[in-house]
Amino acid sequence: MSTTSEQIHELGDRWVAAEIAADTDTLEQLVTDDFRLVGPFGFVLDKQRWLDRYRSGDFTTTAMSWHDVDVRDYDDTAVAIGTQTQQAAYKGTPSNGDYRTTHVFVRRAGHWLLAALQLSLTTPPAPPSP
């Protein structure tokens, strides 16, 4: 039997592949019904709004990795803190870079699901042009 950390890393690999492929069917299966994403600028997306960005083509990810991940196991909850490096764009505006991530996973019927994801910028944005 694999450890919680191994299971979470495996789920993370599936999540990254689904994000790059804009595979909303897989993404929908990997998250809880009440999933929430907190973006790097404080916006909050529920599951449907998160998925709709991919369905509409507004958000595209061309490359992503989830690395330097530390998983903490709390029985039926796991918290993973790592770094997400991505090449992505929202409505054509690049959102490339490194983001510190906190993932909260819950175990339901023996399977891990992603319940929450928060992204923080690792480097502050450049000041606006005059």
N, C-alpha and C. Protein backbone atom coordinates (compact mmCIF):
# COMPACT_ATOMS: atom_id res chain seq x y z
N MET A 1 0.85 -1.19 0.00
CA MET A 1 0.00 0.00 0.00
C MET A 1 0.88 1.25 0.00
N SER A 2 0.53 2.22 -0.81
CA SER A 2 1.32 3.44 -0.91
C SER A 2 0.99 4.39 0.24
N THR A 3 1.92 5.26 0.52
CA THR A 3 1.73 6.23 1.60
C THR A 3 0.81 7.36 1.12
N THR A 4 0.32 8.13 2.07
CA THR A 4 -0.49 9.29 1.72
C THR A 4 0.28 10.22 0.80
N SER A 5 1.54 10.45 1.11
CA SER A 5 2.35 11.35 0.29
C SER A 5 2.43 10.84 -1.15
N GLU A 6 2.65 9.55 -1.33
CA GLU A 6 2.71 8.97 -2.68
C GLU A 6 1.37 9.12 -3.39
N GLN A 7 0.28 8.89 -2.68
CA GLN A 7 -1.05 9.01 -3.27
C GLN A 7 -1.34 10.45 -3.69
N ILE A 8 -0.95 11.40 -2.84
CA ILE A 8 -1.17 12.82 -3.15
C ILE A 8 -0.32 13.23 -4.35
N HIS A 9 0.93 12.80 -4.40
CA HIS A 9 1.78 13.11 -5.55
C HIS A 9 1.21 12.51 -6.84
N GLU A 10 0.67 11.31 -6.76
CA GLU A 10 0.05 10.69 -7.93
C GLU A 10 -1.17 11.50 -8.38
N LEU A 11 -2.01 11.90 -7.43
CA LEU A 11 -3.16 12.73 -7.77
C LEU A 11 -2.68 14.05 -8.38
N GLY A 12 -1.62 14.61 -7.82
CA GLY A 12 -1.05 15.85 -8.36
C GLY A 12 -0.59 15.70 -9.79
N ASP A 13 0.01 14.56 -10.12
CA ASP A 13 0.42 14.31 -11.51
C ASP A 13 -0.79 14.29 -12.44
N ARG A 14 -1.87 13.66 -12.00
CA ARG A 14 -3.09 13.61 -12.81
C ARG A 14 -3.70 15.00 -12.97
N TRP A 15 -3.67 15.80 -11.89
CA TRP A 15 -4.20 17.16 -11.92
C TRP A 15 -3.40 18.02 -12.91
N VAL A 16 -2.07 17.96 -12.84
CA VAL A 16 -1.23 18.75 -13.75
C VAL A 16 -1.51 18.36 -15.20
N ALA A 17 -1.55 17.07 -15.49
CA ALA A 17 -1.82 16.63 -16.87
C ALA A 17 -3.19 17.10 -17.34
N ALA A 18 -4.18 17.06 -16.46
CA ALA A 18 -5.53 17.50 -16.83
C ALA A 18 -5.58 19.00 -17.05
N GLU A 19 -4.85 19.77 -16.25
CA GLU A 19 -4.81 21.23 -16.45
C GLU A 19 -4.21 21.56 -17.82
N ILE A 20 -3.09 20.91 -18.16
CA ILE A 20 -2.43 21.18 -19.44
C ILE A 20 -3.34 20.80 -20.61
N ALA A 21 -4.07 19.70 -20.46
CA ALA A 21 -4.95 19.23 -21.53
C ALA A 21 -6.32 19.90 -21.51
N ALA A 22 -6.58 20.76 -20.51
CA ALA A 22 -7.91 21.35 -20.32
C ALA A 22 -8.97 20.26 -20.28
N ASP A 23 -8.63 19.16 -19.61
CA ASP A 23 -9.49 17.99 -19.49
C ASP A 23 -10.45 18.20 -18.32
N THR A 24 -11.55 18.86 -18.59
CA THR A 24 -12.48 19.20 -17.51
C THR A 24 -13.17 17.97 -16.92
N ASP A 25 -13.30 16.91 -17.69
CA ASP A 25 -13.90 15.68 -17.13
C ASP A 25 -13.02 15.13 -16.01
N THR A 26 -11.72 15.06 -16.26
CA THR A 26 -10.80 14.56 -15.22
C THR A 26 -10.71 15.55 -14.07
N LEU A 27 -10.58 16.85 -14.36
CA LEU A 27 -10.52 17.84 -13.29
C LEU A 27 -11.75 17.75 -12.39
N GLU A 28 -12.91 17.58 -12.99
CA GLU A 28 -14.15 17.49 -12.21
C GLU A 28 -14.14 16.29 -11.28
N GLN A 29 -13.54 15.20 -11.70
CA GLN A 29 -13.46 13.99 -10.88
C GLN A 29 -12.44 14.11 -9.76
N LEU A 30 -11.45 14.97 -9.92
CA LEU A 30 -10.37 15.08 -8.94
C LEU A 30 -10.69 16.01 -7.77
N VAL A 31 -11.76 16.79 -7.88
CA VAL A 31 -12.07 17.78 -6.85
C VAL A 31 -13.42 17.51 -6.20
N THR A 32 -13.57 18.03 -4.99
CA THR A 32 -14.84 17.90 -4.28
C THR A 32 -15.89 18.80 -4.91
N ASP A 33 -17.15 18.53 -4.62
CA ASP A 33 -18.23 19.36 -5.16
C ASP A 33 -18.13 20.80 -4.66
N ASP A 34 -17.61 20.98 -3.43
CA ASP A 34 -17.50 22.33 -2.86
C ASP A 34 -16.08 22.89 -2.98
N PHE A 35 -15.32 22.41 -3.95
CA PHE A 35 -13.96 22.88 -4.21
C PHE A 35 -13.92 24.41 -4.34
N ARG A 36 -12.84 25.00 -3.83
CA ARG A 36 -12.59 26.43 -3.98
C ARG A 36 -11.13 26.64 -4.36
N LEU A 37 -10.91 27.59 -5.27
CA LEU A 37 -9.58 28.03 -5.63
C LEU A 37 -9.46 29.49 -5.22
N VAL A 38 -8.39 29.81 -4.50
CA VAL A 38 -8.07 31.20 -4.18
C VAL A 38 -6.87 31.56 -5.05
N GLY A 39 -7.09 32.50 -5.95
CA GLY A 39 -6.06 32.89 -6.90
C GLY A 39 -5.01 33.79 -6.29
N PRO A 40 -3.94 34.04 -7.03
CA PRO A 40 -2.81 34.81 -6.51
C PRO A 40 -3.12 36.27 -6.20
N PHE A 41 -4.25 36.77 -6.69
CA PHE A 41 -4.64 38.15 -6.39
C PHE A 41 -5.87 38.21 -5.50
N GLY A 42 -6.20 37.07 -4.87
CA GLY A 42 -7.28 37.05 -3.89
C GLY A 42 -8.65 36.68 -4.41
N PHE A 43 -8.82 36.48 -5.70
CA PHE A 43 -10.14 36.09 -6.21
C PHE A 43 -10.44 34.64 -5.79
N VAL A 44 -11.71 34.31 -5.68
CA VAL A 44 -12.13 32.97 -5.28
C VAL A 44 -13.03 32.40 -6.37
N LEU A 45 -12.73 31.19 -6.79
CA LEU A 45 -13.55 30.50 -7.78
C LEU A 45 -14.11 29.23 -7.17
N ASP A 46 -15.42 29.00 -7.39
CA ASP A 46 -15.98 27.71 -7.01
C ASP A 46 -15.69 26.71 -8.12
N LYS A 47 -16.10 25.49 -7.91
CA LYS A 47 -15.79 24.42 -8.87
C LYS A 47 -16.25 24.75 -10.28
N GLN A 48 -17.48 25.19 -10.43
CA GLN A 48 -18.01 25.45 -11.77
C GLN A 48 -17.30 26.60 -12.46
N ARG A 49 -17.05 27.68 -11.74
CA ARG A 49 -16.34 28.82 -12.34
C ARG A 49 -14.91 28.44 -12.71
N TRP A 50 -14.27 27.62 -11.88
CA TRP A 50 -12.92 27.14 -12.16
C TRP A 50 -12.91 26.31 -13.44
N LEU A 51 -13.85 25.37 -13.56
CA LEU A 51 -13.93 24.52 -14.75
C LEU A 51 -14.34 25.31 -15.99
N ASP A 52 -15.24 26.27 -15.82
CA ASP A 52 -15.73 27.06 -16.95
C ASP A 52 -14.62 27.83 -17.65
N ARG A 53 -13.56 28.21 -16.92
CA ARG A 53 -12.43 28.91 -17.55
C ARG A 53 -11.79 28.03 -18.62
N TYR A 54 -11.74 26.72 -18.36
CA TYR A 54 -11.18 25.79 -19.34
C TYR A 54 -12.18 25.51 -20.46
N ARG A 55 -13.44 25.31 -20.08
CA ARG A 55 -14.48 25.00 -21.08
C ARG A 55 -14.61 26.12 -22.11
N SER A 56 -14.51 27.35 -21.67
CA SER A 56 -14.66 28.50 -22.57
C SER A 56 -13.39 28.79 -23.37
N GLY A 57 -12.27 28.25 -22.92
CA GLY A 57 -10.99 28.55 -23.56
C GLY A 57 -10.37 29.83 -23.04
N ASP A 58 -11.00 30.46 -22.02
CA ASP A 58 -10.45 31.70 -21.46
C ASP A 58 -9.11 31.46 -20.77
N PHE A 59 -8.95 30.29 -20.15
CA PHE A 59 -7.70 29.98 -19.45
C PHE A 59 -7.03 28.80 -20.15
N THR A 60 -5.78 29.00 -20.54
CA THR A 60 -5.03 27.94 -21.19
C THR A 60 -3.70 27.75 -20.47
N THR A 61 -3.33 26.50 -20.30
CA THR A 61 -2.06 26.15 -19.68
C THR A 61 -1.26 25.35 -20.70
N THR A 62 -0.08 25.84 -21.04
CA THR A 62 0.74 25.13 -22.02
C THR A 62 1.84 24.31 -21.36
N ALA A 63 2.21 24.66 -20.13
CA ALA A 63 3.20 23.88 -19.38
C ALA A 63 2.96 24.12 -17.90
N MET A 64 3.16 23.06 -17.12
CA MET A 64 3.00 23.19 -15.67
C MET A 64 3.77 22.07 -14.98
N SER A 65 4.34 22.42 -13.85
CA SER A 65 4.92 21.40 -12.97
C SER A 65 4.56 21.76 -11.54
N TRP A 66 4.43 20.74 -10.73
CA TRP A 66 4.14 20.89 -9.29
C TRP A 66 5.30 20.21 -8.59
N HIS A 67 6.12 21.00 -7.90
CA HIS A 67 7.37 20.46 -7.38
C HIS A 67 7.66 21.01 -5.99
N ASP A 68 8.71 20.42 -5.38
CA ASP A 68 9.12 20.78 -4.01
C ASP A 68 7.91 20.70 -3.08
N VAL A 69 7.17 19.60 -3.19
CA VAL A 69 5.92 19.42 -2.47
C VAL A 69 6.17 18.68 -1.16
N ASP A 70 5.67 19.26 -0.07
CA ASP A 70 5.71 18.65 1.25
C ASP A 70 4.28 18.32 1.65
N VAL A 71 4.02 17.05 1.92
CA VAL A 71 2.66 16.61 2.26
C VAL A 71 2.60 16.29 3.75
N ARG A 72 1.58 16.82 4.39
CA ARG A 72 1.29 16.52 5.81
C ARG A 72 -0.01 15.75 5.87
N ASP A 73 0.01 14.62 6.58
CA ASP A 73 -1.13 13.71 6.67
C ASP A 73 -1.84 13.89 8.00
N TYR A 74 -3.14 14.19 7.94
CA TYR A 74 -3.97 14.36 9.13
C TYR A 74 -5.18 13.43 9.01
N ASP A 75 -4.91 12.12 8.92
CA ASP A 75 -5.94 11.09 8.78
C ASP A 75 -6.68 11.24 7.45
N ASP A 76 -7.89 11.80 7.46
CA ASP A 76 -8.67 11.92 6.23
C ASP A 76 -8.51 13.29 5.56
N THR A 77 -7.49 14.03 6.00
CA THR A 77 -7.15 15.32 5.40
C THR A 77 -5.64 15.34 5.18
N ALA A 78 -5.23 15.91 4.07
CA ALA A 78 -3.81 16.09 3.81
C ALA A 78 -3.62 17.51 3.28
N VAL A 79 -2.53 18.12 3.71
CA VAL A 79 -2.18 19.46 3.26
C VAL A 79 -0.83 19.37 2.56
N ALA A 80 -0.78 19.89 1.34
CA ALA A 80 0.45 19.86 0.56
C ALA A 80 0.85 21.29 0.22
N ILE A 81 2.07 21.63 0.55
CA ILE A 81 2.61 22.95 0.20
C ILE A 81 3.76 22.72 -0.77
N GLY A 82 3.69 23.40 -1.90
CA GLY A 82 4.71 23.22 -2.92
C GLY A 82 4.81 24.44 -3.81
N THR A 83 5.39 24.23 -4.97
CA THR A 83 5.53 25.28 -5.96
C THR A 83 4.94 24.80 -7.28
N GLN A 84 4.19 25.68 -7.89
CA GLN A 84 3.61 25.43 -9.22
C GLN A 84 4.30 26.37 -10.19
N THR A 85 4.97 25.80 -11.18
CA THR A 85 5.60 26.58 -12.23
C THR A 85 4.76 26.38 -13.48
N GLN A 86 4.34 27.49 -14.08
CA GLN A 86 3.42 27.35 -15.20
C GLN A 86 3.71 28.35 -16.31
N GLN A 87 3.27 27.95 -17.50
CA GLN A 87 3.13 28.84 -18.64
C GLN A 87 1.65 28.78 -18.97
N ALA A 88 0.96 29.87 -18.74
CA ALA A 88 -0.49 29.89 -18.89
C ALA A 88 -0.91 31.30 -19.27
N ALA A 89 -2.17 31.41 -19.67
CA ALA A 89 -2.72 32.72 -20.01
C ALA A 89 -4.22 32.72 -19.72
N TYR A 90 -4.69 33.88 -19.27
CA TYR A 90 -6.12 34.09 -19.07
C TYR A 90 -6.55 35.16 -20.06
N LYS A 91 -7.43 34.77 -20.97
CA LYS A 91 -7.90 35.66 -22.04
C LYS A 91 -6.73 36.33 -22.77
N GLY A 92 -5.68 35.54 -22.99
CA GLY A 92 -4.52 36.03 -23.73
C GLY A 92 -3.48 36.74 -22.91
N THR A 93 -3.78 37.06 -21.65
CA THR A 93 -2.82 37.73 -20.78
C THR A 93 -1.99 36.67 -20.05
N PRO A 94 -0.67 36.68 -20.24
CA PRO A 94 0.17 35.66 -19.61
C PRO A 94 0.05 35.66 -18.08
N SER A 95 0.06 34.47 -17.53
CA SER A 95 0.15 34.30 -16.07
C SER A 95 1.24 33.26 -15.80
N ASN A 96 2.37 33.48 -16.45
CA ASN A 96 3.52 32.58 -16.32
C ASN A 96 4.23 32.83 -15.00
N GLY A 97 4.92 31.81 -14.52
CA GLY A 97 5.77 32.01 -13.36
C GLY A 97 5.66 30.92 -12.33
N ASP A 98 6.22 31.24 -11.17
CA ASP A 98 6.21 30.33 -10.03
C ASP A 98 5.22 30.84 -9.00
N TYR A 99 4.42 29.92 -8.50
CA TYR A 99 3.43 30.23 -7.48
C TYR A 99 3.61 29.26 -6.32
N ARG A 100 3.59 29.77 -5.11
CA ARG A 100 3.56 28.90 -3.94
C ARG A 100 2.13 28.42 -3.83
N THR A 101 1.96 27.12 -3.63
CA THR A 101 0.61 26.56 -3.57
C THR A 101 0.38 25.84 -2.25
N THR A 102 -0.86 25.93 -1.81
CA THR A 102 -1.33 25.11 -0.70
C THR A 102 -2.55 24.36 -1.20
N HIS A 103 -2.45 23.05 -1.19
CA HIS A 103 -3.55 22.17 -1.59
C HIS A 103 -4.10 21.50 -0.32
N VAL A 104 -5.41 21.45 -0.22
CA VAL A 104 -6.05 20.70 0.86
C VAL A 104 -6.80 19.54 0.21
N PHE A 105 -6.45 18.34 0.63
CA PHE A 105 -7.07 17.13 0.11
C PHE A 105 -7.89 16.46 1.22
N VAL A 106 -8.99 15.83 0.84
CA VAL A 106 -9.81 15.07 1.78
C VAL A 106 -9.99 13.67 1.21
N ARG A 107 -10.07 12.71 2.13
CA ARG A 107 -10.28 11.33 1.70
C ARG A 107 -11.77 11.03 1.81
N ARG A 108 -12.35 10.62 0.69
CA ARG A 108 -13.77 10.27 0.63
C ARG A 108 -13.87 8.87 0.04
N ALA A 109 -14.50 7.96 0.76
CA ALA A 109 -14.69 6.58 0.30
C ALA A 109 -13.37 5.97 -0.16
N GLY A 110 -12.30 6.26 0.58
CA GLY A 110 -11.00 5.67 0.28
C GLY A 110 -10.20 6.35 -0.82
N HIS A 111 -10.72 7.44 -1.39
CA HIS A 111 -10.03 8.15 -2.47
C HIS A 111 -9.77 9.59 -2.06
N TRP A 112 -8.62 10.10 -2.45
CA TRP A 112 -8.29 11.49 -2.18
C TRP A 112 -8.90 12.40 -3.23
N LEU A 113 -9.45 13.52 -2.78
CA LEU A 113 -9.98 14.56 -3.66
C LEU A 113 -9.41 15.90 -3.24
N LEU A 114 -9.25 16.79 -4.18
CA LEU A 114 -8.78 18.13 -3.90
C LEU A 114 -9.96 18.99 -3.47
N ALA A 115 -9.89 19.55 -2.27
CA ALA A 115 -10.98 20.37 -1.73
C ALA A 115 -10.71 21.87 -1.87
N ALA A 116 -9.44 22.25 -1.81
CA ALA A 116 -9.10 23.68 -1.88
C ALA A 116 -7.69 23.84 -2.41
N LEU A 117 -7.48 24.94 -3.11
CA LEU A 117 -6.18 25.27 -3.67
C LEU A 117 -6.00 26.78 -3.55
N GLN A 118 -4.87 27.18 -2.97
CA GLN A 118 -4.55 28.60 -2.90
C GLN A 118 -3.18 28.81 -3.54
N LEU A 119 -3.12 29.84 -4.39
CA LEU A 119 -1.87 30.19 -5.07
C LEU A 119 -1.42 31.56 -4.58
N SER A 120 -0.12 31.68 -4.34
CA SER A 120 0.47 32.96 -3.96
C SER A 120 1.65 33.22 -4.87
N LEU A 121 1.82 34.46 -5.26
CA LEU A 121 2.98 34.82 -6.08
C LEU A 121 4.26 34.64 -5.28
N THR A 122 5.26 34.04 -5.89
CA THR A 122 6.55 33.94 -5.21
C THR A 122 7.40 35.18 -5.44
N THR A 123 7.07 35.90 -6.51
CA THR A 123 7.75 37.16 -6.83
C THR A 123 6.66 38.22 -7.02
N PRO A 124 6.77 39.35 -6.36
CA PRO A 124 5.74 40.36 -6.54
C PRO A 124 5.66 40.84 -7.99
N PRO A 125 4.48 41.25 -8.42
CA PRO A 125 4.37 41.75 -9.80
C PRO A 125 5.16 43.03 -9.99
N ALA A 126 5.55 43.28 -11.22
CA ALA A 126 6.26 44.51 -11.55
C ALA A 126 5.31 45.70 -11.38
N PRO A 127 5.85 46.84 -11.00
CA PRO A 127 4.98 48.02 -10.88
C PRO A 127 4.39 48.40 -12.23
N PRO A 128 3.22 49.00 -12.22
CA PRO A 128 2.60 49.40 -13.50
C PRO A 128 3.45 50.44 -14.23
N SER A 129 3.35 50.42 -15.53
CA SER A 129 4.07 51.39 -16.35
C SER A 129 3.45 52.76 -16.17
N PRO A 130 4.29 53.81 -16.19
CA PRO A 130 3.71 55.17 -16.05
C PRO A 130 2.92 55.56 -17.29
